[in-house]
C-alpha cells in the first residue's frame, strides 16, 4: 500500500468514526448506569458506536480512537500547529498522551465487569520528531500481560508510511472499580 493510499484510508476511517462519536452524546464521562455490568471491551465498543460519551481529551488534542479489539486499541491524531513546542516540532506531551491513550485503552479492553486500572508507570522513547507536515499518526497499543493486579502494554506511534516516531510501555495497577 502506498503512503498516499494508506493516508486516504486512515482519513476515511477517521471520518467514519468521528461521525459515530459526534452522533452520540459527545465528549464526557459515561454514567454508572451506562457501563454497569459491561466489560472494558464492551465499554470501548459502546463508545465507538456513539452510545456513551468519549474522552474529552481526544477533542482537546485532536486525536480519535479508531478501533479496539481484545488487548488492542488504535488512536489516530492530527499533528497541528497548536501542538508545536518552541523548537517547531510537535510537543512530546502530545505524543505521550496519544501513546498513553492507546496503552490504557488496550488494557481497558481486557477488564472484566467491575474491574478498573490506573497507570503506575509510563515510559516513552522518542525516535523521530513529528511535525505538522505529517498529516496523521497512529498510536497502536497492545497488551503484553493482564493479571488480577498488574497489566503491561506496549505502543508504537507511526505515520502512514510506517515511519516510527515513538514507542512506549506502561504498567497499570488493576483493582476493583469504585462506585461513582
N, C-alpha and C. Protein backbone atom coordinates (compact mmCIF):
# COMPACT_ATOMS: atom_id res chain seq x y z
N UNK A 1 0.85 -1.17 0.00
CA UNK A 1 0.00 0.00 0.00
C UNK A 1 0.90 1.24 0.00
N UNK A 2 0.62 2.18 -0.88
CA UNK A 2 1.42 3.40 -0.93
C UNK A 2 1.06 4.30 0.23
N UNK A 3 1.97 5.25 0.53
CA UNK A 3 1.72 6.18 1.63
C UNK A 3 0.45 6.98 1.38
N UNK A 4 0.23 7.42 0.14
CA UNK A 4 -0.97 8.21 -0.19
C UNK A 4 -2.22 7.38 0.02
N UNK A 5 -2.19 6.12 -0.42
CA UNK A 5 -3.35 5.24 -0.25
C UNK A 5 -3.61 4.98 1.23
N UNK A 6 -2.53 4.72 1.97
CA UNK A 6 -2.67 4.48 3.41
C UNK A 6 -3.26 5.71 4.09
N UNK A 7 -2.77 6.89 3.77
CA UNK A 7 -3.28 8.11 4.38
C UNK A 7 -4.75 8.31 4.02
N UNK A 8 -5.11 8.09 2.77
CA UNK A 8 -6.52 8.22 2.37
C UNK A 8 -7.40 7.25 3.15
N UNK A 9 -6.93 6.02 3.34
CA UNK A 9 -7.67 5.02 4.10
C UNK A 9 -7.81 5.46 5.55
N UNK A 10 -6.72 5.95 6.14
CA UNK A 10 -6.74 6.42 7.53
C UNK A 10 -7.74 7.56 7.69
N UNK A 11 -7.72 8.50 6.77
CA UNK A 11 -8.62 9.66 6.87
C UNK A 11 -10.08 9.22 6.72
N UNK A 12 -10.35 8.28 5.83
CA UNK A 12 -11.72 7.77 5.65
C UNK A 12 -12.19 7.05 6.92
N UNK A 13 -11.34 6.23 7.52
CA UNK A 13 -11.69 5.54 8.76
C UNK A 13 -11.97 6.56 9.87
N UNK A 14 -11.12 7.56 9.96
CA UNK A 14 -11.29 8.61 10.97
C UNK A 14 -12.62 9.34 10.80
N UNK A 15 -12.94 9.67 9.56
CA UNK A 15 -14.19 10.38 9.26
C UNK A 15 -15.41 9.55 9.69
N UNK A 16 -15.37 8.24 9.42
CA UNK A 16 -16.48 7.35 9.80
C UNK A 16 -16.63 7.26 11.31
N UNK A 17 -15.51 7.13 12.03
CA UNK A 17 -15.56 7.03 13.49
C UNK A 17 -16.05 8.33 14.10
N UNK A 18 -15.53 9.46 13.62
CA UNK A 18 -15.94 10.76 14.17
C UNK A 18 -17.44 10.98 13.95
N UNK A 19 -17.97 10.55 12.82
CA UNK A 19 -19.40 10.69 12.58
C UNK A 19 -20.21 9.93 13.64
N UNK A 20 -19.78 8.72 13.99
CA UNK A 20 -20.47 7.95 15.03
C UNK A 20 -20.32 8.61 16.40
N UNK A 21 -19.10 9.04 16.73
CA UNK A 21 -18.86 9.68 18.02
C UNK A 21 -19.68 10.95 18.18
N UNK A 22 -19.73 11.76 17.14
CA UNK A 22 -20.44 13.03 17.20
C UNK A 22 -21.96 12.85 17.18
N UNK A 23 -22.43 11.72 16.64
CA UNK A 23 -23.87 11.45 16.64
C UNK A 23 -24.35 11.03 18.03
N UNK A 24 -23.40 10.63 18.87
CA UNK A 24 -23.73 10.21 20.23
C UNK A 24 -23.74 11.38 21.18
N UNK A 25 -23.51 11.11 22.45
CA UNK A 25 -23.59 12.17 23.47
C UNK A 25 -22.40 13.13 23.44
N UNK A 26 -21.36 12.86 22.65
CA UNK A 26 -20.21 13.74 22.58
C UNK A 26 -19.21 13.44 23.67
N UNK A 27 -18.29 14.39 23.94
CA UNK A 27 -17.28 14.14 24.97
C UNK A 27 -17.88 14.20 26.36
N UNK A 28 -17.29 13.42 27.26
CA UNK A 28 -17.77 13.41 28.65
C UNK A 28 -17.42 12.12 29.34
N UNK A 29 -18.17 11.81 30.38
CA UNK A 29 -17.95 10.60 31.17
C UNK A 29 -19.26 9.82 31.21
N UNK A 30 -19.17 8.53 30.96
CA UNK A 30 -20.36 7.67 30.99
C UNK A 30 -20.91 7.60 32.41
N UNK A 31 -22.21 7.51 32.51
CA UNK A 31 -22.84 7.36 33.83
C UNK A 31 -22.68 5.91 34.30
N UNK A 32 -22.76 5.69 35.60
CA UNK A 32 -22.67 4.31 36.11
C UNK A 32 -23.70 3.39 35.45
N UNK A 33 -24.89 3.89 35.20
CA UNK A 33 -25.93 3.06 34.58
C UNK A 33 -25.55 2.65 33.15
N UNK A 34 -24.83 3.52 32.44
CA UNK A 34 -24.44 3.22 31.07
C UNK A 34 -23.38 2.13 30.97
N UNK A 35 -22.59 1.95 32.02
CA UNK A 35 -21.49 0.98 31.95
C UNK A 35 -21.66 -0.21 32.90
N UNK A 36 -22.69 -0.19 33.72
CA UNK A 36 -22.91 -1.27 34.68
C UNK A 36 -22.96 -2.63 34.00
N UNK A 37 -22.16 -3.57 34.52
CA UNK A 37 -22.16 -4.93 34.00
C UNK A 37 -21.39 -5.14 32.71
N UNK A 38 -20.82 -4.08 32.16
CA UNK A 38 -20.09 -4.19 30.89
C UNK A 38 -18.61 -4.49 31.14
N UNK A 39 -18.04 -5.28 30.24
CA UNK A 39 -16.59 -5.47 30.27
C UNK A 39 -15.95 -4.20 29.71
N UNK A 40 -14.64 -4.08 29.88
CA UNK A 40 -13.94 -2.94 29.31
C UNK A 40 -14.07 -2.89 27.80
N UNK A 41 -14.00 -4.05 27.16
CA UNK A 41 -14.15 -4.10 25.70
C UNK A 41 -15.55 -3.63 25.29
N UNK A 42 -16.57 -4.08 26.01
CA UNK A 42 -17.94 -3.64 25.70
C UNK A 42 -18.10 -2.14 25.88
N UNK A 43 -17.45 -1.57 26.90
CA UNK A 43 -17.50 -0.11 27.09
C UNK A 43 -16.85 0.62 25.92
N UNK A 44 -15.68 0.14 25.52
CA UNK A 44 -14.97 0.79 24.41
C UNK A 44 -15.76 0.67 23.11
N UNK A 45 -16.38 -0.47 22.88
CA UNK A 45 -17.20 -0.66 21.68
C UNK A 45 -18.43 0.25 21.72
N UNK A 46 -19.03 0.41 22.90
CA UNK A 46 -20.19 1.30 23.04
C UNK A 46 -19.77 2.74 22.74
N UNK A 47 -18.59 3.13 23.17
CA UNK A 47 -18.09 4.47 22.88
C UNK A 47 -17.92 4.66 21.37
N UNK A 48 -17.32 3.67 20.72
CA UNK A 48 -17.10 3.77 19.27
C UNK A 48 -18.41 3.81 18.47
N UNK A 49 -19.46 3.23 19.02
CA UNK A 49 -20.78 3.29 18.35
C UNK A 49 -21.49 4.61 18.63
N UNK A 50 -20.97 5.40 19.56
CA UNK A 50 -21.63 6.64 19.94
C UNK A 50 -22.72 6.44 20.97
N UNK A 51 -22.71 5.29 21.65
CA UNK A 51 -23.73 5.00 22.67
C UNK A 51 -23.41 5.68 24.00
N UNK A 52 -22.14 5.85 24.30
CA UNK A 52 -21.72 6.52 25.53
C UNK A 52 -20.69 7.59 25.17
N UNK A 53 -20.46 8.55 26.06
CA UNK A 53 -19.50 9.63 25.75
C UNK A 53 -18.08 9.11 25.53
N UNK A 54 -17.33 9.88 24.75
CA UNK A 54 -15.91 9.59 24.56
C UNK A 54 -15.11 10.60 25.38
N UNK A 55 -13.83 10.32 25.57
CA UNK A 55 -12.98 11.16 26.42
C UNK A 55 -12.78 12.55 25.81
N UNK A 56 -13.03 13.56 26.60
CA UNK A 56 -12.91 14.95 26.14
C UNK A 56 -11.49 15.31 25.70
N UNK A 57 -10.48 14.67 26.27
CA UNK A 57 -9.09 14.97 25.91
C UNK A 57 -8.85 14.74 24.43
N UNK A 58 -9.56 13.79 23.83
CA UNK A 58 -9.40 13.49 22.41
C UNK A 58 -9.79 14.70 21.56
N UNK A 59 -10.87 15.35 21.92
CA UNK A 59 -11.31 16.53 21.18
C UNK A 59 -10.34 17.69 21.41
N UNK A 60 -9.89 17.85 22.66
CA UNK A 60 -8.96 18.93 23.00
C UNK A 60 -7.66 18.82 22.22
N UNK A 61 -7.14 17.60 22.08
CA UNK A 61 -5.83 17.40 21.47
C UNK A 61 -5.87 16.87 20.03
N UNK A 62 -7.05 16.84 19.43
CA UNK A 62 -7.18 16.47 18.02
C UNK A 62 -6.72 15.05 17.70
N UNK A 63 -7.17 14.10 18.53
CA UNK A 63 -6.96 12.71 18.18
C UNK A 63 -8.25 11.92 18.44
N UNK A 64 -8.34 10.74 17.83
CA UNK A 64 -9.57 9.96 17.85
C UNK A 64 -9.26 8.49 18.05
N UNK A 65 -10.07 7.83 18.85
CA UNK A 65 -9.97 6.38 18.92
C UNK A 65 -10.51 5.83 17.60
N UNK A 66 -9.78 4.92 16.99
CA UNK A 66 -10.16 4.38 15.68
C UNK A 66 -10.75 2.99 15.80
N UNK A 67 -10.13 2.14 16.62
CA UNK A 67 -10.65 0.78 16.76
C UNK A 67 -10.15 0.14 18.05
N UNK A 68 -10.89 -0.87 18.48
CA UNK A 68 -10.50 -1.68 19.63
C UNK A 68 -10.78 -3.14 19.32
N UNK A 69 -10.02 -3.98 19.95
CA UNK A 69 -10.21 -5.44 19.91
C UNK A 69 -9.64 -5.94 21.23
N UNK A 70 -9.86 -7.19 21.58
CA UNK A 70 -9.30 -7.67 22.84
C UNK A 70 -7.78 -7.45 22.90
N UNK A 71 -7.35 -6.63 23.86
CA UNK A 71 -5.93 -6.36 24.04
C UNK A 71 -5.31 -5.36 23.09
N UNK A 72 -6.14 -4.69 22.28
CA UNK A 72 -5.62 -3.75 21.27
C UNK A 72 -6.47 -2.49 21.21
N UNK A 73 -5.81 -1.34 21.09
CA UNK A 73 -6.52 -0.07 20.87
C UNK A 73 -5.69 0.78 19.93
N UNK A 74 -6.35 1.38 18.95
CA UNK A 74 -5.67 2.24 17.97
C UNK A 74 -6.28 3.63 18.01
N UNK A 75 -5.42 4.61 18.16
CA UNK A 75 -5.80 6.03 18.13
C UNK A 75 -5.11 6.68 16.94
N UNK A 76 -5.75 7.69 16.40
CA UNK A 76 -5.19 8.44 15.29
C UNK A 76 -5.23 9.92 15.62
N UNK A 77 -4.15 10.62 15.30
CA UNK A 77 -4.09 12.04 15.62
C UNK A 77 -3.62 12.88 14.45
N UNK A 78 -3.99 14.15 14.52
CA UNK A 78 -3.59 15.12 13.52
C UNK A 78 -2.63 16.11 14.17
N UNK A 79 -1.33 16.03 13.85
CA UNK A 79 -0.38 16.98 14.41
C UNK A 79 -0.62 18.37 13.80
N UNK A 80 -0.94 19.33 14.63
CA UNK A 80 -1.27 20.67 14.15
C UNK A 80 -0.35 21.72 14.76
N UNK A 81 -0.37 22.91 14.20
CA UNK A 81 0.48 24.00 14.70
C UNK A 81 0.22 24.28 16.17
N UNK A 82 -1.01 24.10 16.63
CA UNK A 82 -1.32 24.37 18.04
C UNK A 82 -0.66 23.37 18.99
N UNK A 83 -0.07 22.30 18.45
CA UNK A 83 0.62 21.30 19.26
C UNK A 83 2.14 21.49 19.24
N UNK A 84 2.61 22.56 18.62
CA UNK A 84 4.05 22.79 18.50
C UNK A 84 4.70 23.19 19.81
N UNK A 85 5.94 22.77 19.98
CA UNK A 85 6.76 23.26 21.08
C UNK A 85 7.59 24.44 20.55
N UNK A 86 8.37 25.10 21.37
CA UNK A 86 9.14 26.25 20.90
C UNK A 86 10.19 25.92 19.82
N UNK A 87 10.53 24.65 19.66
CA UNK A 87 11.50 24.26 18.64
C UNK A 87 10.87 24.05 17.27
N UNK A 88 9.53 24.09 17.20
CA UNK A 88 8.85 23.92 15.92
C UNK A 88 8.47 22.50 15.59
N UNK A 89 8.57 21.61 16.57
CA UNK A 89 8.10 20.23 16.37
C UNK A 89 6.92 19.98 17.31
N UNK A 90 6.21 18.90 17.06
CA UNK A 90 5.05 18.58 17.90
C UNK A 90 5.54 18.26 19.31
N UNK A 91 4.89 18.84 20.29
CA UNK A 91 5.28 18.70 21.69
C UNK A 91 5.27 17.23 22.10
N UNK A 92 6.27 16.84 22.85
CA UNK A 92 6.37 15.46 23.33
C UNK A 92 5.20 15.05 24.19
N UNK A 93 4.58 16.01 24.86
CA UNK A 93 3.41 15.70 25.68
C UNK A 93 2.23 15.24 24.84
N UNK A 94 2.10 15.81 23.64
CA UNK A 94 1.03 15.38 22.73
C UNK A 94 1.27 13.94 22.30
N UNK A 95 2.52 13.65 21.92
CA UNK A 95 2.88 12.29 21.52
C UNK A 95 2.65 11.32 22.69
N UNK A 96 3.11 11.70 23.89
CA UNK A 96 2.95 10.84 25.06
C UNK A 96 1.48 10.61 25.39
N UNK A 97 0.65 11.63 25.23
CA UNK A 97 -0.78 11.48 25.53
C UNK A 97 -1.44 10.51 24.55
N UNK A 98 -1.08 10.60 23.28
CA UNK A 98 -1.63 9.64 22.31
C UNK A 98 -1.20 8.22 22.66
N UNK A 99 0.08 8.05 22.95
CA UNK A 99 0.58 6.71 23.30
C UNK A 99 -0.07 6.21 24.58
N UNK A 100 -0.17 7.07 25.60
CA UNK A 100 -0.80 6.69 26.87
C UNK A 100 -2.25 6.28 26.66
N UNK A 101 -2.95 6.96 25.78
CA UNK A 101 -4.35 6.61 25.48
C UNK A 101 -4.45 5.23 24.86
N UNK A 102 -3.59 4.95 23.88
CA UNK A 102 -3.60 3.63 23.23
C UNK A 102 -3.21 2.54 24.22
N UNK A 103 -2.21 2.81 25.06
CA UNK A 103 -1.78 1.84 26.06
C UNK A 103 -2.91 1.54 27.05
N UNK A 104 -3.46 2.60 27.64
CA UNK A 104 -4.51 2.43 28.64
C UNK A 104 -5.75 1.76 28.08
N UNK A 105 -6.16 2.19 26.90
CA UNK A 105 -7.38 1.60 26.33
C UNK A 105 -7.17 0.15 25.90
N UNK A 106 -5.95 -0.21 25.50
CA UNK A 106 -5.70 -1.63 25.19
C UNK A 106 -5.89 -2.46 26.45
N UNK A 107 -5.43 -1.95 27.59
CA UNK A 107 -5.64 -2.64 28.87
C UNK A 107 -7.11 -2.60 29.25
N UNK A 108 -7.77 -1.48 29.00
CA UNK A 108 -9.21 -1.35 29.31
C UNK A 108 -10.00 -2.47 28.64
N UNK A 109 -9.63 -2.83 27.41
CA UNK A 109 -10.37 -3.88 26.69
C UNK A 109 -10.29 -5.23 27.37
N UNK A 110 -9.36 -5.39 28.31
CA UNK A 110 -9.18 -6.67 28.99
C UNK A 110 -9.85 -6.72 30.36
N UNK A 111 -10.47 -5.63 30.77
CA UNK A 111 -11.08 -5.57 32.11
C UNK A 111 -12.43 -6.29 32.13
N UNK A 112 -12.62 -7.19 33.09
CA UNK A 112 -13.94 -7.79 33.27
C UNK A 112 -14.85 -6.77 33.95
N UNK A 113 -16.16 -7.02 33.98
CA UNK A 113 -17.05 -6.09 34.67
C UNK A 113 -16.59 -5.88 36.12
N UNK A 114 -16.64 -4.63 36.55
CA UNK A 114 -16.30 -4.30 37.93
C UNK A 114 -14.82 -4.09 38.20
N UNK A 115 -13.98 -4.23 37.20
CA UNK A 115 -12.54 -4.02 37.38
C UNK A 115 -12.13 -2.76 36.63
N UNK A 116 -11.13 -2.07 37.17
CA UNK A 116 -10.61 -0.85 36.58
C UNK A 116 -9.09 -0.87 36.66
N UNK A 117 -8.46 0.18 36.18
CA UNK A 117 -7.00 0.24 36.15
C UNK A 117 -6.57 1.71 36.24
N UNK A 118 -5.32 1.90 36.59
CA UNK A 118 -4.72 3.23 36.55
C UNK A 118 -3.25 3.07 36.21
N UNK A 119 -2.71 4.04 35.53
CA UNK A 119 -1.31 4.00 35.14
C UNK A 119 -0.41 4.15 36.36
N UNK A 120 0.53 3.22 36.51
CA UNK A 120 1.54 3.30 37.57
C UNK A 120 2.87 3.78 36.99
N UNK A 121 3.12 3.46 35.72
CA UNK A 121 4.37 3.84 35.07
C UNK A 121 4.13 4.00 33.58
N UNK A 122 4.72 5.03 33.02
CA UNK A 122 4.68 5.27 31.57
C UNK A 122 6.09 5.61 31.13
N UNK A 123 6.58 4.91 30.13
CA UNK A 123 7.91 5.18 29.59
C UNK A 123 7.77 5.41 28.09
N UNK A 124 8.24 6.58 27.63
CA UNK A 124 8.14 6.93 26.22
C UNK A 124 9.54 7.13 25.65
N UNK A 125 9.76 6.55 24.49
CA UNK A 125 11.01 6.74 23.74
C UNK A 125 10.68 7.47 22.44
N UNK A 126 11.25 8.65 22.29
CA UNK A 126 11.04 9.45 21.09
C UNK A 126 12.15 9.10 20.09
N UNK A 127 11.74 8.70 18.89
CA UNK A 127 12.68 8.22 17.89
C UNK A 127 12.90 9.25 16.79
N UNK A 128 11.84 9.94 16.40
CA UNK A 128 11.92 10.91 15.31
C UNK A 128 10.90 12.01 15.59
N UNK A 129 11.27 13.24 15.31
CA UNK A 129 10.38 14.38 15.56
C UNK A 129 9.15 14.30 14.65
N UNK A 130 8.02 14.68 15.22
CA UNK A 130 6.77 14.80 14.47
C UNK A 130 6.59 16.29 14.17
N UNK A 131 6.24 16.60 12.94
CA UNK A 131 5.95 17.98 12.55
C UNK A 131 4.56 18.03 11.93
N UNK A 132 4.00 19.25 11.76
CA UNK A 132 2.69 19.34 11.11
C UNK A 132 2.69 18.87 9.65
N UNK A 133 3.86 18.65 9.07
CA UNK A 133 3.92 18.10 7.70
C UNK A 133 3.43 16.66 7.67
N UNK A 134 3.52 15.97 8.83
CA UNK A 134 2.99 14.61 8.95
C UNK A 134 1.49 14.78 9.16
N UNK A 135 0.68 14.37 8.19
CA UNK A 135 -0.75 14.67 8.25
C UNK A 135 -1.51 13.86 9.29
N UNK A 136 -1.07 12.64 9.57
CA UNK A 136 -1.70 11.81 10.58
C UNK A 136 -0.66 10.89 11.17
N UNK A 137 -0.88 10.53 12.44
CA UNK A 137 -0.08 9.49 13.09
C UNK A 137 -1.04 8.56 13.81
N UNK A 138 -0.61 7.34 14.00
CA UNK A 138 -1.41 6.35 14.73
C UNK A 138 -0.61 5.81 15.90
N UNK A 139 -1.29 5.71 17.04
CA UNK A 139 -0.75 5.06 18.22
C UNK A 139 -1.45 3.72 18.34
N UNK A 140 -0.68 2.66 18.25
CA UNK A 140 -1.22 1.31 18.28
C UNK A 140 -0.76 0.64 19.57
N UNK A 141 -1.70 0.44 20.50
CA UNK A 141 -1.40 -0.16 21.79
C UNK A 141 -1.79 -1.62 21.84
N UNK A 142 -0.91 -2.44 22.46
CA UNK A 142 -1.16 -3.88 22.59
C UNK A 142 -0.79 -4.34 23.99
N UNK A 143 -1.67 -5.12 24.58
CA UNK A 143 -1.42 -5.67 25.91
C UNK A 143 -0.33 -6.75 25.82
N UNK A 144 0.59 -6.68 26.77
CA UNK A 144 1.61 -7.71 26.91
C UNK A 144 1.16 -8.73 27.95
N UNK A 145 0.64 -8.22 29.08
CA UNK A 145 0.19 -9.08 30.18
C UNK A 145 -0.95 -8.37 30.90
N UNK A 146 -1.96 -9.14 31.28
CA UNK A 146 -3.04 -8.58 32.08
C UNK A 146 -3.42 -9.58 33.16
N UNK A 147 -3.08 -9.23 34.39
CA UNK A 147 -3.37 -10.10 35.53
C UNK A 147 -4.38 -9.45 36.46
N UNK A 148 -4.57 -10.05 37.64
CA UNK A 148 -5.53 -9.53 38.61
C UNK A 148 -5.10 -8.21 39.23
N UNK A 149 -3.78 -7.97 39.33
CA UNK A 149 -3.30 -6.76 39.99
C UNK A 149 -2.45 -5.86 39.10
N UNK A 150 -1.81 -6.41 38.10
CA UNK A 150 -0.95 -5.63 37.21
C UNK A 150 -1.24 -5.96 35.75
N UNK A 151 -1.08 -4.95 34.91
CA UNK A 151 -1.18 -5.14 33.47
C UNK A 151 -0.06 -4.34 32.82
N UNK A 152 0.49 -4.86 31.74
CA UNK A 152 1.51 -4.14 30.98
C UNK A 152 1.10 -4.11 29.52
N UNK A 153 1.55 -3.05 28.83
CA UNK A 153 1.24 -2.90 27.41
C UNK A 153 2.36 -2.14 26.73
N UNK A 154 2.39 -2.24 25.40
CA UNK A 154 3.36 -1.50 24.60
C UNK A 154 2.61 -0.82 23.47
N UNK A 155 3.18 0.29 22.98
CA UNK A 155 2.54 1.02 21.88
C UNK A 155 3.61 1.62 20.99
N UNK A 156 3.21 1.84 19.75
CA UNK A 156 4.08 2.48 18.76
C UNK A 156 3.30 3.62 18.10
N UNK A 157 3.97 4.74 17.87
CA UNK A 157 3.38 5.86 17.13
C UNK A 157 4.02 5.87 15.75
N UNK A 158 3.19 5.66 14.73
CA UNK A 158 3.69 5.53 13.36
C UNK A 158 2.95 6.46 12.41
N UNK A 159 3.60 6.76 11.29
CA UNK A 159 2.97 7.50 10.21
C UNK A 159 2.39 6.54 9.19
N UNK A 160 1.65 7.08 8.21
CA UNK A 160 1.02 6.22 7.20
C UNK A 160 2.02 5.44 6.35
N UNK A 161 3.27 5.91 6.29
CA UNK A 161 4.30 5.20 5.53
C UNK A 161 5.06 4.20 6.38
N UNK A 162 4.63 4.04 7.65
CA UNK A 162 5.29 3.11 8.55
C UNK A 162 6.42 3.71 9.38
N UNK A 163 6.72 4.99 9.18
CA UNK A 163 7.77 5.64 9.96
C UNK A 163 7.45 5.57 11.44
N UNK A 164 8.40 5.12 12.24
CA UNK A 164 8.25 5.07 13.68
C UNK A 164 8.70 6.41 14.27
N UNK A 165 7.81 7.06 15.01
CA UNK A 165 8.13 8.33 15.65
C UNK A 165 8.44 8.16 17.14
N UNK A 166 7.75 7.23 17.80
CA UNK A 166 7.96 6.99 19.22
C UNK A 166 7.39 5.62 19.58
N UNK A 167 7.86 5.09 20.70
CA UNK A 167 7.28 3.86 21.24
C UNK A 167 7.25 3.99 22.75
N UNK A 168 6.37 3.22 23.38
CA UNK A 168 6.15 3.38 24.82
C UNK A 168 5.73 2.07 25.45
N UNK A 169 5.90 2.02 26.77
CA UNK A 169 5.38 0.91 27.57
C UNK A 169 4.69 1.49 28.79
N UNK A 170 3.82 0.68 29.37
CA UNK A 170 3.15 1.09 30.61
C UNK A 170 3.00 -0.11 31.53
N UNK A 171 2.93 0.21 32.80
CA UNK A 171 2.49 -0.73 33.82
C UNK A 171 1.29 -0.10 34.50
N UNK A 172 0.21 -0.84 34.58
CA UNK A 172 -1.01 -0.33 35.21
C UNK A 172 -1.39 -1.21 36.40
N UNK A 173 -1.92 -0.56 37.43
CA UNK A 173 -2.48 -1.27 38.57
C UNK A 173 -3.92 -1.61 38.24
N UNK A 174 -4.33 -2.84 38.51
CA UNK A 174 -5.69 -3.30 38.26
C UNK A 174 -6.36 -3.48 39.62
N UNK A 175 -7.60 -3.02 39.74
CA UNK A 175 -8.29 -3.04 41.03
C UNK A 175 -9.80 -3.09 40.83
N UNK A 176 -10.51 -3.30 41.93
CA UNK A 176 -11.97 -3.28 41.89
C UNK A 176 -12.43 -1.84 41.65
N UNK A 177 -13.32 -1.66 40.70
CA UNK A 177 -13.81 -0.31 40.38
C UNK A 177 -14.60 0.25 41.55
N UNK A 178 -14.42 1.53 41.79
CA UNK A 178 -15.19 2.18 42.86
C UNK A 178 -16.46 2.75 42.26
N UNK A 179 -17.44 2.87 43.08
CA UNK A 179 -18.75 3.40 42.64
C UNK A 179 -18.68 4.91 42.57
N UNK A 180 -19.27 5.46 41.53
CA UNK A 180 -19.33 6.93 41.40
C UNK A 180 -20.60 7.44 41.97
